[in-house]
Amino acid sequence: MADFNRFVQFYWDVFGAPLVGASDSAPERVRGYFGVDADDARCKIGWIRIPGGVTIEIFEFTPRQAPRLVTKL
């Protein structure tokens, strides 16, 4: 949660962009949708509104895992 809050604070401090919403995803959704292979997988999603109207999403996954390259032939 500390990293998520730091990102929110960064976007507010640097761009004046507020957090307009946040949600926690259930473990089964994180495993299925994001492909995270962990029984206790969690994902916090935040929506940050950039001045001018654009909204971006930020994600924080737990537990942390090393990145992996997925290729399809």
C-alpha atoms as a PDB file:
ATOM      1  CA  MET A   1       0.000   0.000   0.000  1.00  0.00           C
ATOM      2  CA  ALA A   2       2.920   2.355   0.635  1.00  0.00           C
ATOM      3  CA  ASP A   3       3.967   2.310  -3.048  1.00  0.00           C
ATOM      4  CA  PHE A   4       0.390   2.970  -4.184  1.00  0.00           C
ATOM      5  CA  ASN A   5       0.125   5.971  -1.869  1.00  0.00           C
ATOM      6  CA  ARG A   6       3.514   7.278  -3.028  1.00  0.00           C
ATOM      7  CA  PHE A   7       2.396   7.141  -6.669  1.00  0.00           C
ATOM      8  CA  VAL A   8      -0.839   8.959  -5.824  1.00  0.00           C
ATOM      9  CA  GLN A   9       1.139  11.624  -3.972  1.00  0.00           C
ATOM     10  CA  PHE A  10       3.612  11.954  -6.869  1.00  0.00           C
ATOM     11  CA  TYR A  11       0.868  12.601  -9.431  1.00  0.00           C
ATOM     12  CA  TRP A  12      -0.767  15.133  -7.097  1.00  0.00           C
ATOM     13  CA  ASP A  13       2.499  16.966  -6.311  1.00  0.00           C
ATOM     14  CA  VAL A  14       3.935  17.010  -9.853  1.00  0.00           C
ATOM     15  CA  PHE A  15       0.835  17.296 -12.046  1.00  0.00           C
ATOM     16  CA  GLY A  16      -1.912  18.494  -9.677  1.00  0.00           C
ATOM     17  CA  ALA A  17      -3.763  15.294 -10.580  1.00  0.00           C
ATOM     18  CA  PRO A  18      -6.170  13.964  -7.921  1.00  0.00           C
ATOM     19  CA  LEU A  19      -7.088  10.374  -7.194  1.00  0.00           C
ATOM     20  CA  VAL A  20     -10.741  10.120  -8.268  1.00  0.00           C
ATOM     21  CA  GLY A  21     -11.356   6.479  -7.393  1.00  0.00           C
ATOM     22  CA  ALA A  22      -9.770   3.293  -6.099  1.00  0.00           C
ATOM     23  CA  SER A  23     -10.747  -0.359  -5.958  1.00  0.00           C
ATOM     24  CA  ASP A  24      -9.376  -3.661  -4.685  1.00  0.00           C
ATOM     25  CA  SER A  25      -9.665  -6.671  -7.007  1.00  0.00           C
ATOM     26  CA  ALA A  26     -10.532 -10.136  -5.730  1.00  0.00           C
ATOM     27  CA  PRO A  27      -7.780 -12.792  -5.902  1.00  0.00           C
ATOM     28  CA  GLU A  28      -9.617 -14.871  -8.536  1.00  0.00           C
ATOM     29  CA  ARG A  29      -9.926 -11.841 -10.834  1.00  0.00           C
ATOM     30  CA  VAL A  30      -6.256 -10.961 -10.409  1.00  0.00           C
ATOM     31  CA  ARG A  31      -5.216 -14.532 -11.220  1.00  0.00           C
ATOM     32  CA  GLY A  32      -7.526 -14.832 -14.238  1.00  0.00           C
ATOM     33  CA  TYR A  33      -7.414 -11.365 -15.752  1.00  0.00           C
ATOM     34  CA  PHE A  34      -3.830 -10.345 -14.998  1.00  0.00           C
ATOM     35  CA  GLY A  35      -2.265 -13.837 -14.990  1.00  0.00           C
ATOM     36  CA  VAL A  36      -0.726 -13.500 -11.524  1.00  0.00           C
ATOM     37  CA  ASP A  37       0.089 -16.986 -10.257  1.00  0.00           C
ATOM     38  CA  ALA A  38      -0.400 -16.687  -6.486  1.00  0.00           C
ATOM     39  CA  ASP A  39      -3.169 -17.912  -4.202  1.00  0.00           C
ATOM     40  CA  ASP A  40      -3.317 -14.633  -2.276  1.00  0.00           C
ATOM     41  CA  ALA A  41      -2.968 -12.348  -5.316  1.00  0.00           C
ATOM     42  CA  ARG A  42      -4.316  -8.838  -4.782  1.00  0.00           C
ATOM     43  CA  CYS A  43      -4.489  -5.760  -6.972  1.00  0.00           C
ATOM     44  CA  LYS A  44      -5.311  -2.211  -5.957  1.00  0.00           C
ATOM     45  CA  ILE A  45      -6.372  -0.048  -8.898  1.00  0.00           C
ATOM     46  CA  GLY A  46      -6.494   3.733  -8.783  1.00  0.00           C
ATOM     47  CA  TRP A  47      -7.854   6.274 -11.239  1.00  0.00           C
ATOM     48  CA  ILE A  48      -6.048   9.608 -11.414  1.00  0.00           C
ATOM     49  CA  ARG A  49      -7.466  12.555 -13.349  1.00  0.00           C
ATOM     50  CA  ILE A  50      -4.844  14.542 -15.221  1.00  0.00           C
ATOM     51  CA  PRO A  51      -5.694  18.236 -15.757  1.00  0.00           C
ATOM     52  CA  GLY A  52      -7.482  18.523 -19.086  1.00  0.00           C
ATOM     53  CA  GLY A  53      -9.686  15.491 -18.503  1.00  0.00           C
ATOM     54  CA  VAL A  54      -7.522  12.425 -19.176  1.00  0.00           C
ATOM     55  CA  THR A  55      -7.788   9.673 -16.557  1.00  0.00           C
ATOM     56  CA  ILE A  56      -4.956   7.190 -16.029  1.00  0.00           C
ATOM     57  CA  GLU A  57      -4.909   3.950 -14.053  1.00  0.00           C
ATOM     58  CA  ILE A  58      -2.261   2.871 -11.593  1.00  0.00           C
ATOM     59  CA  PHE A  59      -1.898  -0.658 -10.242  1.00  0.00           C
ATOM     60  CA  GLU A  60      -0.272  -2.209  -7.194  1.00  0.00           C
ATOM     61  CA  PHE A  61      -0.012  -6.007  -7.123  1.00  0.00           C
ATOM     62  CA  THR A  62       0.691  -8.140  -4.062  1.00  0.00           C
ATOM     63  CA  PRO A  63       2.506 -10.361  -3.556  1.00  0.00           C
ATOM     64  CA  ARG A  64       5.250  -8.935  -5.704  1.00  0.00           C
ATOM     65  CA  GLN A  65       6.642 -11.208  -8.356  1.00  0.00           C
ATOM     66  CA  ALA A  66       9.470 -10.866 -10.814  1.00  0.00           C
ATOM     67  CA  PRO A  67       8.345  -9.700 -14.279  1.00  0.00           C
ATOM     68  CA  ARG A  68       8.018 -12.383 -16.925  1.00  0.00           C
ATOM     69  CA  LEU A  69       7.984 -12.137 -20.677  1.00  0.00           C
ATOM     70  CA  VAL A  70       4.973 -13.704 -22.345  1.00  0.00           C
ATOM     71  CA  THR A  71       5.318 -14.538 -26.023  1.00  0.00           C
ATOM     72  CA  LYS A  72       2.906 -16.168 -28.407  1.00  0.00           C
ATOM     73  CA  LEU A  73       3.967 -17.751 -31.655  1.00  0.00           C
END
